[in-house]
Amino acid sequence: AGHRPRSVLVQPKWLGEVELLAGEAPVYVVTDAVAE
C-alpha cells in the first residue's frame, strides 16, 4: 500500500520471509526469549 518500514524485528527462522520487505530499513534479529 506504499507504507515504509522504519525497522523490522524478526526471529531467526523467519528472516527469509521479511528480508525483501524491509527495503533499506534495519532488520533486528532476536531470539524468541528476547522478543517476549
PDB file of all heavy atoms in Angstrom:
ATOM      1  N   ALA A   1       0.818  -1.216   0.000  1.00  0.00           N
ATOM      2  CA  ALA A   1       0.000   0.000   0.000  1.00  0.00           C
ATOM      3  C   ALA A   1       0.851   1.265   0.000  1.00  0.00           C
ATOM      4  O   ALA A   1       0.307   2.367   0.062  1.00  0.00           O
ATOM      5  CB  ALA A   1      -0.931  -0.003   1.210  1.00  0.00           C
ATOM      6  N   GLY A   2       2.179   1.090  -0.056  1.00  0.00           N
ATOM      7  CA  GLY A   2       3.067   2.245  -0.121  1.00  0.00           C
ATOM      8  C   GLY A   2       3.609   2.714   1.214  1.00  0.00           C
ATOM      9  O   GLY A   2       4.278   3.749   1.277  1.00  0.00           O
ATOM     10  N   HIS A   3       3.343   1.963   2.291  1.00  0.00           N
ATOM     11  CA  HIS A   3       3.858   2.340   3.595  1.00  0.00           C
ATOM     12  C   HIS A   3       5.313   1.876   3.730  1.00  0.00           C
ATOM     13  O   HIS A   3       5.685   0.829   3.206  1.00  0.00           O
ATOM     14  CB  HIS A   3       3.014   1.732   4.713  1.00  0.00           C
ATOM     15  CG  HIS A   3       1.597   2.194   4.697  1.00  0.00           C
ATOM     16  ND1 HIS A   3       0.748   2.043   5.772  1.00  0.00           N
ATOM     17  CD2 HIS A   3       0.844   2.809   3.744  1.00  0.00           C
ATOM     18  CE1 HIS A   3      -0.445   2.533   5.480  1.00  0.00           C
ATOM     19  NE2 HIS A   3      -0.406   2.996   4.250  1.00  0.00           N
ATOM     20  N   ARG A   4       6.127   2.639   4.488  1.00  0.00           N
ATOM     21  CA  ARG A   4       7.548   2.342   4.599  1.00  0.00           C
ATOM     22  C   ARG A   4       7.905   1.836   5.998  1.00  0.00           C
ATOM     23  O   ARG A   4       7.525   2.455   6.992  1.00  0.00           O
ATOM     24  CB  ARG A   4       8.381   3.589   4.295  1.00  0.00           C
ATOM     25  CG  ARG A   4       8.303   4.073   2.867  1.00  0.00           C
ATOM     26  CD  ARG A   4       9.269   5.240   2.643  1.00  0.00           C
ATOM     27  NE  ARG A   4       8.978   6.370   3.518  1.00  0.00           N
ATOM     28  CZ  ARG A   4       9.766   6.772   4.515  1.00  0.00           C
ATOM     29  NH1 ARG A   4      10.877   6.112   4.796  1.00  0.00           N
ATOM     30  NH2 ARG A   4       9.434   7.828   5.251  1.00  0.00           N
ATOM     31  N   PRO A   5       8.661   0.736   6.081  1.00  0.00           N
ATOM     32  CA  PRO A   5       9.130   0.277   7.389  1.00  0.00           C
ATOM     33  C   PRO A   5      10.212   1.202   7.943  1.00  0.00           C
ATOM     34  O   PRO A   5      11.069   1.693   7.205  1.00  0.00           O
ATOM     35  CB  PRO A   5       9.721  -1.110   7.103  1.00  0.00           C
ATOM     36  CG  PRO A   5       9.281  -1.470   5.735  1.00  0.00           C
ATOM     37  CD  PRO A   5       9.033  -0.195   5.000  1.00  0.00           C
ATOM     38  N   ARG A   6      10.159   1.433   9.253  1.00  0.00           N
ATOM     39  CA  ARG A   6      11.237   2.138   9.943  1.00  0.00           C
ATOM     40  C   ARG A   6      12.284   1.124  10.406  1.00  0.00           C
ATOM     41  O   ARG A   6      13.477   1.388  10.398  1.00  0.00           O
ATOM     42  CB  ARG A   6      10.657   2.904  11.125  1.00  0.00           C
ATOM     43  CG  ARG A   6      11.638   3.792  11.843  1.00  0.00           C
ATOM     44  CD  ARG A   6      10.923   4.986  12.431  1.00  0.00           C
ATOM     45  NE  ARG A   6      10.411   4.745  13.778  1.00  0.00           N
ATOM     46  CZ  ARG A   6       9.711   5.680  14.443  1.00  0.00           C
ATOM     47  NH1 ARG A   6       9.421   6.827  13.867  1.00  0.00           N
ATOM     48  NH2 ARG A   6       9.273   5.437  15.663  1.00  0.00           N
ATOM     49  N   SER A   7      11.797  -0.039  10.815  1.00  0.00           N
ATOM     50  CA  SER A   7      12.666  -1.163  11.162  1.00  0.00           C
ATOM     51  C   SER A   7      11.803  -2.414  11.185  1.00  0.00           C
ATOM     52  O   SER A   7      10.565  -2.333  11.173  1.00  0.00           O
ATOM     53  CB  SER A   7      13.350  -0.958  12.519  1.00  0.00           C
ATOM     54  OG  SER A   7      12.387  -0.993  13.570  1.00  0.00           O
ATOM     55  N   VAL A   8      12.453  -3.571  11.223  1.00  0.00           N
ATOM     56  CA  VAL A   8      11.749  -4.857  11.316  1.00  0.00           C
ATOM     57  C   VAL A   8      12.387  -5.659  12.440  1.00  0.00           C
ATOM     58  O   VAL A   8      13.613  -5.665  12.603  1.00  0.00           O
ATOM     59  CB  VAL A   8      11.827  -5.643   9.990  1.00  0.00           C
ATOM     60  CG1 VAL A   8      11.168  -7.014  10.135  1.00  0.00           C
ATOM     61  CG2 VAL A   8      11.168  -4.861   8.862  1.00  0.00           C
ATOM     62  N   LEU A   9      11.552  -6.310  13.245  1.00  0.00           N
ATOM     63  CA  LEU A   9      12.001  -7.191  14.320  1.00  0.00           C
ATOM     64  C   LEU A   9      11.611  -8.613  13.948  1.00  0.00           C
ATOM     65  O   LEU A   9      10.437  -8.873  13.656  1.00  0.00           O
ATOM     66  CB  LEU A   9      11.342  -6.784  15.644  1.00  0.00           C
ATOM     67  CG  LEU A   9      11.724  -7.607  16.874  1.00  0.00           C
ATOM     68  CD1 LEU A   9      13.084  -7.170  17.390  1.00  0.00           C
ATOM     69  CD2 LEU A   9      10.673  -7.439  17.978  1.00  0.00           C
ATOM     70  N   VAL A  10      12.559  -9.531  13.974  1.00  0.00           N
ATOM     71  CA  VAL A  10      12.263 -10.875  13.484  1.00  0.00           C
ATOM     72  C   VAL A  10      13.070 -11.910  14.260  1.00  0.00           C
ATOM     73  O   VAL A  10      14.185 -11.633  14.723  1.00  0.00           O
ATOM     74  CB  VAL A  10      12.572 -10.960  11.964  1.00  0.00           C
ATOM     75  CG1 VAL A  10      14.070 -10.774  11.691  1.00  0.00           C
ATOM     76  CG2 VAL A  10      12.070 -12.258  11.362  1.00  0.00           C
ATOM     77  N   GLN A  11      12.485 -13.089  14.420  1.00  0.00           N
ATOM     78  CA  GLN A  11      13.227 -14.219  14.958  1.00  0.00           C
ATOM     79  C   GLN A  11      13.968 -14.915  13.820  1.00  0.00           C
ATOM     80  O   GLN A  11      13.535 -14.842  12.666  1.00  0.00           O
ATOM     81  CB  GLN A  11      12.272 -15.172  15.669  1.00  0.00           C
ATOM     82  CG  GLN A  11      11.726 -14.583  16.978  1.00  0.00           C
ATOM     83  CD  GLN A  11      10.209 -14.543  17.009  1.00  0.00           C
ATOM     84  OE1 GLN A  11       9.578 -13.960  16.131  1.00  0.00           O
ATOM     85  NE2 GLN A  11       9.613 -15.138  18.024  1.00  0.00           N
ATOM     86  N   PRO A  12      15.087 -15.579  14.108  1.00  0.00           N
ATOM     87  CA  PRO A  12      15.953 -16.099  13.034  1.00  0.00           C
ATOM     88  C   PRO A  12      15.235 -16.956  11.993  1.00  0.00           C
ATOM     89  O   PRO A  12      15.485 -16.810  10.792  1.00  0.00           O
ATOM     90  CB  PRO A  12      16.994 -16.920  13.809  1.00  0.00           C
ATOM     91  CG  PRO A  12      17.062 -16.260  15.145  1.00  0.00           C
ATOM     92  CD  PRO A  12      15.656 -15.811  15.452  1.00  0.00           C
ATOM     93  N   LYS A  13      14.320 -17.810  12.412  1.00  0.00           N
ATOM     94  CA  LYS A  13      13.703 -18.725  11.453  1.00  0.00           C
ATOM     95  C   LYS A  13      12.788 -18.030  10.455  1.00  0.00           C
ATOM     96  O   LYS A  13      12.408 -18.613   9.439  1.00  0.00           O
ATOM     97  CB  LYS A  13      12.926 -19.819  12.191  1.00  0.00           C
ATOM     98  CG  LYS A  13      11.768 -19.317  13.040  1.00  0.00           C
ATOM     99  CD  LYS A  13      11.122 -20.473  13.797  1.00  0.00           C
ATOM    100  CE  LYS A  13      10.025 -19.976  14.740  1.00  0.00           C
ATOM    101  NZ  LYS A  13       9.407 -21.082  15.501  1.00  0.00           N
ATOM    102  N   TRP A  14      12.394 -16.756  10.748  1.00  0.00           N
ATOM    103  CA  TRP A  14      11.508 -16.029   9.851  1.00  0.00           C
ATOM    104  C   TRP A  14      12.239 -14.996   9.007  1.00  0.00           C
ATOM    105  O   TRP A  14      11.615 -14.276   8.234  1.00  0.00           O
ATOM    106  CB  TRP A  14      10.419 -15.306  10.665  1.00  0.00           C
ATOM    107  CG  TRP A  14       9.598 -16.204  11.532  1.00  0.00           C
ATOM    108  CD1 TRP A  14       9.731 -16.410  12.866  1.00  0.00           C
ATOM    109  CD2 TRP A  14       8.506 -17.030  11.113  1.00  0.00           C
ATOM    110  NE1 TRP A  14       8.790 -17.303  13.310  1.00  0.00           N
ATOM    111  CE2 TRP A  14       8.022 -17.704  12.255  1.00  0.00           C
ATOM    112  CE3 TRP A  14       7.889 -17.263   9.889  1.00  0.00           C
ATOM    113  CZ2 TRP A  14       6.960 -18.590  12.210  1.00  0.00           C
ATOM    114  CZ3 TRP A  14       6.821 -18.149   9.836  1.00  0.00           C
ATOM    115  CH2 TRP A  14       6.379 -18.803  10.985  1.00  0.00           C
ATOM    116  N   LEU A  15      13.556 -14.919   9.155  1.00  0.00           N
ATOM    117  CA  LEU A  15      14.307 -13.859   8.488  1.00  0.00           C
ATOM    118  C   LEU A  15      14.093 -13.859   6.978  1.00  0.00           C
ATOM    119  O   LEU A  15      13.914 -12.808   6.362  1.00  0.00           O
ATOM    120  CB  LEU A  15      15.797 -13.994   8.815  1.00  0.00           C
ATOM    121  CG  LEU A  15      16.732 -12.957   8.188  1.00  0.00           C
ATOM    122  CD1 LEU A  15      16.341 -11.547   8.621  1.00  0.00           C
ATOM    123  CD2 LEU A  15      18.187 -13.252   8.583  1.00  0.00           C
ATOM    124  N   GLY A  16      14.088 -15.030   6.382  1.00  0.00           N
ATOM    125  CA  GLY A  16      13.942 -15.115   4.926  1.00  0.00           C
ATOM    126  C   GLY A  16      12.634 -14.547   4.408  1.00  0.00           C
ATOM    127  O   GLY A  16      12.561 -14.095   3.255  1.00  0.00           O
ATOM    128  N   GLU A  17      11.582 -14.532   5.247  1.00  0.00           N
ATOM    129  CA  GLU A  17      10.276 -14.053   4.799  1.00  0.00           C
ATOM    130  C   GLU A  17      10.170 -12.537   4.767  1.00  0.00           C
ATOM    131  O   GLU A  17       9.298 -11.988   4.101  1.00  0.00           O
ATOM    132  CB  GLU A  17       9.164 -14.624   5.695  1.00  0.00           C
ATOM    133  CG  GLU A  17       8.955 -16.124   5.546  1.00  0.00           C
ATOM    134  CD  GLU A  17       7.625 -16.562   6.135  1.00  0.00           C
ATOM    135  OE1 GLU A  17       6.731 -15.701   6.296  1.00  0.00           O
ATOM    136  OE2 GLU A  17       7.484 -17.746   6.450  1.00  0.00           O
ATOM    137  N   VAL A  18      11.039 -11.861   5.513  1.00  0.00           N
ATOM    138  CA  VAL A  18      10.888 -10.403   5.621  1.00  0.00           C
ATOM    139  C   VAL A  18      12.037  -9.610   5.029  1.00  0.00           C
ATOM    140  O   VAL A  18      11.943  -8.391   4.894  1.00  0.00           O
ATOM    141  CB  VAL A  18      10.700  -9.972   7.102  1.00  0.00           C
ATOM    142  CG1 VAL A  18       9.473 -10.625   7.695  1.00  0.00           C
ATOM    143  CG2 VAL A  18      11.935 -10.285   7.929  1.00  0.00           C
ATOM    144  N   GLU A  19      13.127 -10.268   4.647  1.00  0.00           N
ATOM    145  CA  GLU A  19      14.286  -9.531   4.142  1.00  0.00           C
ATOM    146  C   GLU A  19      13.926  -8.623   2.978  1.00  0.00           C
ATOM    147  O   GLU A  19      14.335  -7.469   2.908  1.00  0.00           O
ATOM    148  CB  GLU A  19      15.393 -10.503   3.732  1.00  0.00           C
ATOM    149  CG  GLU A  19      16.189 -11.061   4.901  1.00  0.00           C
ATOM    150  CD  GLU A  19      17.332 -11.940   4.441  1.00  0.00           C
ATOM    151  OE1 GLU A  19      17.048 -13.004   3.850  1.00  0.00           O
ATOM    152  OE2 GLU A  19      18.496 -11.561   4.650  1.00  0.00           O
ATOM    153  N   LEU A  20      13.142  -9.148   2.033  1.00  0.00           N
ATOM    154  CA  LEU A  20      12.798  -8.359   0.849  1.00  0.00           C
ATOM    155  C   LEU A  20      11.785  -7.259   1.169  1.00  0.00           C
ATOM    156  O   LEU A  20      11.677  -6.282   0.423  1.00  0.00           O
ATOM    157  CB  LEU A  20      12.260  -9.268  -0.250  1.00  0.00           C
ATOM    158  CG  LEU A  20      13.251 -10.288  -0.825  1.00  0.00           C
ATOM    159  CD1 LEU A  20      12.565 -11.148  -1.876  1.00  0.00           C
ATOM    160  CD2 LEU A  20      14.475  -9.591  -1.418  1.00  0.00           C
ATOM    161  N   LEU A  21      11.026  -7.412   2.269  1.00  0.00           N
ATOM    162  CA  LEU A  21      10.007  -6.425   2.617  1.00  0.00           C
ATOM    163  C   LEU A  21      10.599  -5.205   3.307  1.00  0.00           C
ATOM    164  O   LEU A  21       9.998  -4.133   3.305  1.00  0.00           O
ATOM    165  CB  LEU A  21       8.957  -7.059   3.538  1.00  0.00           C
ATOM    166  CG  LEU A  21       8.181  -8.250   2.974  1.00  0.00           C
ATOM    167  CD1 LEU A  21       7.289  -8.845   4.062  1.00  0.00           C
ATOM    168  CD2 LEU A  21       7.338  -7.828   1.780  1.00  0.00           C
ATOM    169  N   ALA A  22      11.772  -5.373   3.910  1.00  0.00           N
ATOM    170  CA  ALA A  22      12.336  -4.317   4.745  1.00  0.00           C
ATOM    171  C   ALA A  22      12.882  -3.148   3.934  1.00  0.00           C
ATOM    172  O   ALA A  22      13.012  -2.046   4.459  1.00  0.00           O
ATOM    173  CB  ALA A  22      13.427  -4.892   5.640  1.00  0.00           C
ATOM    174  N   GLY A  23      13.205  -3.378   2.670  1.00  0.00           N
ATOM    175  CA  GLY A  23      13.813  -2.307   1.891  1.00  0.00           C
ATOM    176  C   GLY A  23      15.149  -1.914   2.492  1.00  0.00           C
ATOM    177  O   GLY A  23      16.009  -2.775   2.741  1.00  0.00           O
ATOM    178  N   GLU A  24      15.342  -0.628   2.774  1.00  0.00           N
ATOM    179  CA  GLU A  24      16.592  -0.158   3.356  1.00  0.00           C
ATOM    180  C   GLU A  24      16.533  -0.076   4.882  1.00  0.00           C
ATOM    181  O   GLU A  24      17.508   0.336   5.524  1.00  0.00           O
ATOM    182  CB  GLU A  24      16.945   1.216   2.783  1.00  0.00           C
ATOM    183  CG  GLU A  24      17.175   1.193   1.276  1.00  0.00           C
ATOM    184  CD  GLU A  24      17.502   2.564   0.732  1.00  0.00           C
ATOM    185  OE1 GLU A  24      17.521   3.528   1.536  1.00  0.00           O
ATOM    186  OE2 GLU A  24      17.746   2.677  -0.480  1.00  0.00           O
ATOM    187  N   ALA A  25      15.403  -0.459   5.470  1.00  0.00           N
ATOM    188  CA  ALA A  25      15.251  -0.371   6.925  1.00  0.00           C
ATOM    189  C   ALA A  25      16.072  -1.455   7.617  1.00  0.00           C
ATOM    190  O   ALA A  25      16.246  -2.554   7.079  1.00  0.00           O
ATOM    191  CB  ALA A  25      13.780  -0.522   7.305  1.00  0.00           C
ATOM    192  N   PRO A  26      16.580  -1.198   8.813  1.00  0.00           N
ATOM    193  CA  PRO A  26      17.326  -2.232   9.537  1.00  0.00           C
ATOM    194  C   PRO A  26      16.413  -3.373   9.976  1.00  0.00           C
ATOM    195  O   PRO A  26      15.244  -3.156  10.309  1.00  0.00           O
ATOM    196  CB  PRO A  26      17.890  -1.479  10.742  1.00  0.00           C
ATOM    197  CG  PRO A  26      16.980  -0.312  10.930  1.00  0.00           C
ATOM    198  CD  PRO A  26      16.513   0.071   9.556  1.00  0.00           C
ATOM    199  N   VAL A  27      16.960  -4.572   9.960  1.00  0.00           N
ATOM    200  CA  VAL A  27      16.254  -5.762  10.430  1.00  0.00           C
ATOM    201  C   VAL A  27      16.945  -6.241  11.697  1.00  0.00           C
ATOM    202  O   VAL A  27      18.125  -6.610  11.670  1.00  0.00           O
ATOM    203  CB  VAL A  27      16.260  -6.876   9.358  1.00  0.00           C
ATOM    204  CG1 VAL A  27      15.569  -8.126   9.905  1.00  0.00           C
ATOM    205  CG2 VAL A  27      15.584  -6.402   8.085  1.00  0.00           C
ATOM    206  N   TYR A  28      16.220  -6.195  12.810  1.00  0.00           N
ATOM    207  CA  TYR A  28      16.766  -6.624  14.093  1.00  0.00           C
ATOM    208  C   TYR A  28      16.373  -8.073  14.332  1.00  0.00           C
ATOM    209  O   TYR A  28      15.182  -8.406  14.402  1.00  0.00           O
ATOM    210  CB  TYR A  28      16.240  -5.747  15.223  1.00  0.00           C
ATOM    211  CG  TYR A  28      16.555  -4.276  15.034  1.00  0.00           C
ATOM    212  CD1 TYR A  28      15.561  -3.301  15.139  1.00  0.00           C
ATOM    213  CD2 TYR A  28      17.850  -3.852  14.737  1.00  0.00           C
ATOM    214  CE1 TYR A  28      15.851  -1.955  14.970  1.00  0.00           C
ATOM    215  CE2 TYR A  28      18.157  -2.513  14.559  1.00  0.00           C
ATOM    216  CZ  TYR A  28      17.149  -1.566  14.674  1.00  0.00           C
ATOM    217  OH  TYR A  28      17.438  -0.240  14.494  1.00  0.00           O
ATOM    218  N   VAL A  29      17.361  -8.949  14.461  1.00  0.00           N
ATOM    219  CA  VAL A  29      17.128 -10.376  14.667  1.00  0.00           C
ATOM    220  C   VAL A  29      17.316 -10.688  16.138  1.00  0.00           C
ATOM    221  O   VAL A  29      18.368 -10.383  16.720  1.00  0.00           O
ATOM    222  CB  VAL A  29      18.091 -11.218  13.808  1.00  0.00           C
ATOM    223  CG1 VAL A  29      17.815 -12.710  14.014  1.00  0.00           C
ATOM    224  CG2 VAL A  29      17.960 -10.845  12.341  1.00  0.00           C
ATOM    225  N   VAL A  30      16.274 -11.256  16.753  1.00  0.00           N
ATOM    226  CA  VAL A  30      16.316 -11.558  18.186  1.00  0.00           C
ATOM    227  C   VAL A  30      15.822 -12.979  18.425  1.00  0.00           C
ATOM    228  O   VAL A  30      15.120 -13.557  17.592  1.00  0.00           O
ATOM    229  CB  VAL A  30      15.438 -10.570  18.996  1.00  0.00           C
ATOM    230  CG1 VAL A  30      15.933  -9.142  18.812  1.00  0.00           C
ATOM    231  CG2 VAL A  30      13.971 -10.688  18.597  1.00  0.00           C
ATOM    232  N   THR A  31      16.167 -13.537  19.563  1.00  0.00           N
ATOM    233  CA  THR A  31      15.658 -14.848  19.940  1.00  0.00           C
ATOM    234  C   THR A  31      14.210 -14.736  20.391  1.00  0.00           C
ATOM    235  O   THR A  31      13.703 -13.646  20.671  1.00  0.00           O
ATOM    236  CB  THR A  31      16.490 -15.441  21.086  1.00  0.00           C
ATOM    237  OG1 THR A  31      16.330 -14.611  22.242  1.00  0.00           O
ATOM    238  CG2 THR A  31      17.968 -15.527  20.712  1.00  0.00           C
ATOM    239  N   ASP A  32      13.543 -15.883  20.489  1.00  0.00           N
ATOM    240  CA  ASP A  32      12.162 -15.894  20.978  1.00  0.00           C
ATOM    241  C   ASP A  32      12.072 -15.283  22.368  1.00  0.00           C
ATOM    242  O   ASP A  32      11.136 -14.533  22.674  1.00  0.00           O
ATOM    243  CB  ASP A  32      11.630 -17.334  21.029  1.00  0.00           C
ATOM    244  CG  ASP A  32      11.484 -17.958  19.652  1.00  0.00           C
ATOM    245  OD1 ASP A  32      11.799 -17.290  18.650  1.00  0.00           O
ATOM    246  OD2 ASP A  32      11.056 -19.126  19.575  1.00  0.00           O
ATOM    247  N   ALA A  33      13.044 -15.603  23.233  1.00  0.00           N
ATOM    248  CA  ALA A  33      13.017 -15.108  24.609  1.00  0.00           C
ATOM    249  C   ALA A  33      13.170 -13.592  24.656  1.00  0.00           C
ATOM    250  O   ALA A  33      12.473 -12.909  25.408  1.00  0.00           O
ATOM    251  CB  ALA A  33      14.132 -15.777  25.420  1.00  0.00           C
ATOM    252  N   VAL A  34      14.068 -13.048  23.842  1.00  0.00           N
ATOM    253  CA  VAL A  34      14.253 -11.598  23.812  1.00  0.00           C
ATOM    254  C   VAL A  34      12.997 -10.919  23.292  1.00  0.00           C
ATOM    255  O   VAL A  34      12.556  -9.883  23.820  1.00  0.00           O
ATOM    256  CB  VAL A  34      15.479 -11.226  22.950  1.00  0.00           C
ATOM    257  CG1 VAL A  34      15.530  -9.718  22.697  1.00  0.00           C
ATOM    258  CG2 VAL A  34      16.763 -11.680  23.635  1.00  0.00           C
ATOM    259  N   ALA A  35      12.380 -11.486  22.240  1.00  0.00           N
ATOM    260  CA  ALA A  35      11.155 -10.901  21.685  1.00  0.00           C
ATOM    261  C   ALA A  35      10.055 -10.852  22.734  1.00  0.00           C
ATOM    262  O   ALA A  35       9.331  -9.852  22.850  1.00  0.00           O
ATOM    263  CB  ALA A  35      10.695 -11.706  20.473  1.00  0.00           C
ATOM    264  N   GLU A  36       9.923 -11.918  23.534  1.00  0.00           N
ATOM    265  CA  GLU A  36       8.865 -11.949  24.547  1.00  0.00           C
ATOM    266  C   GLU A  36       9.148 -10.955  25.677  1.00  0.00           C
ATOM    267  O   GLU A  36       8.232 -10.258  26.137  1.00  0.00           O
ATOM    268  CB  GLU A  36       8.721 -13.357  25.110  1.00  0.00           C
ATOM    269  CG  GLU A  36       7.575 -13.495  26.102  1.00  0.00           C
ATOM    270  CD  GLU A  36       7.244 -14.937  26.437  1.00  0.00           C
ATOM    271  OE1 GLU A  36       7.852 -15.850  25.831  1.00  0.00           O
ATOM    272  OE2 GLU A  36       6.374 -15.143  27.297  1.00  0.00           O
TER     273      GLU A  36
END
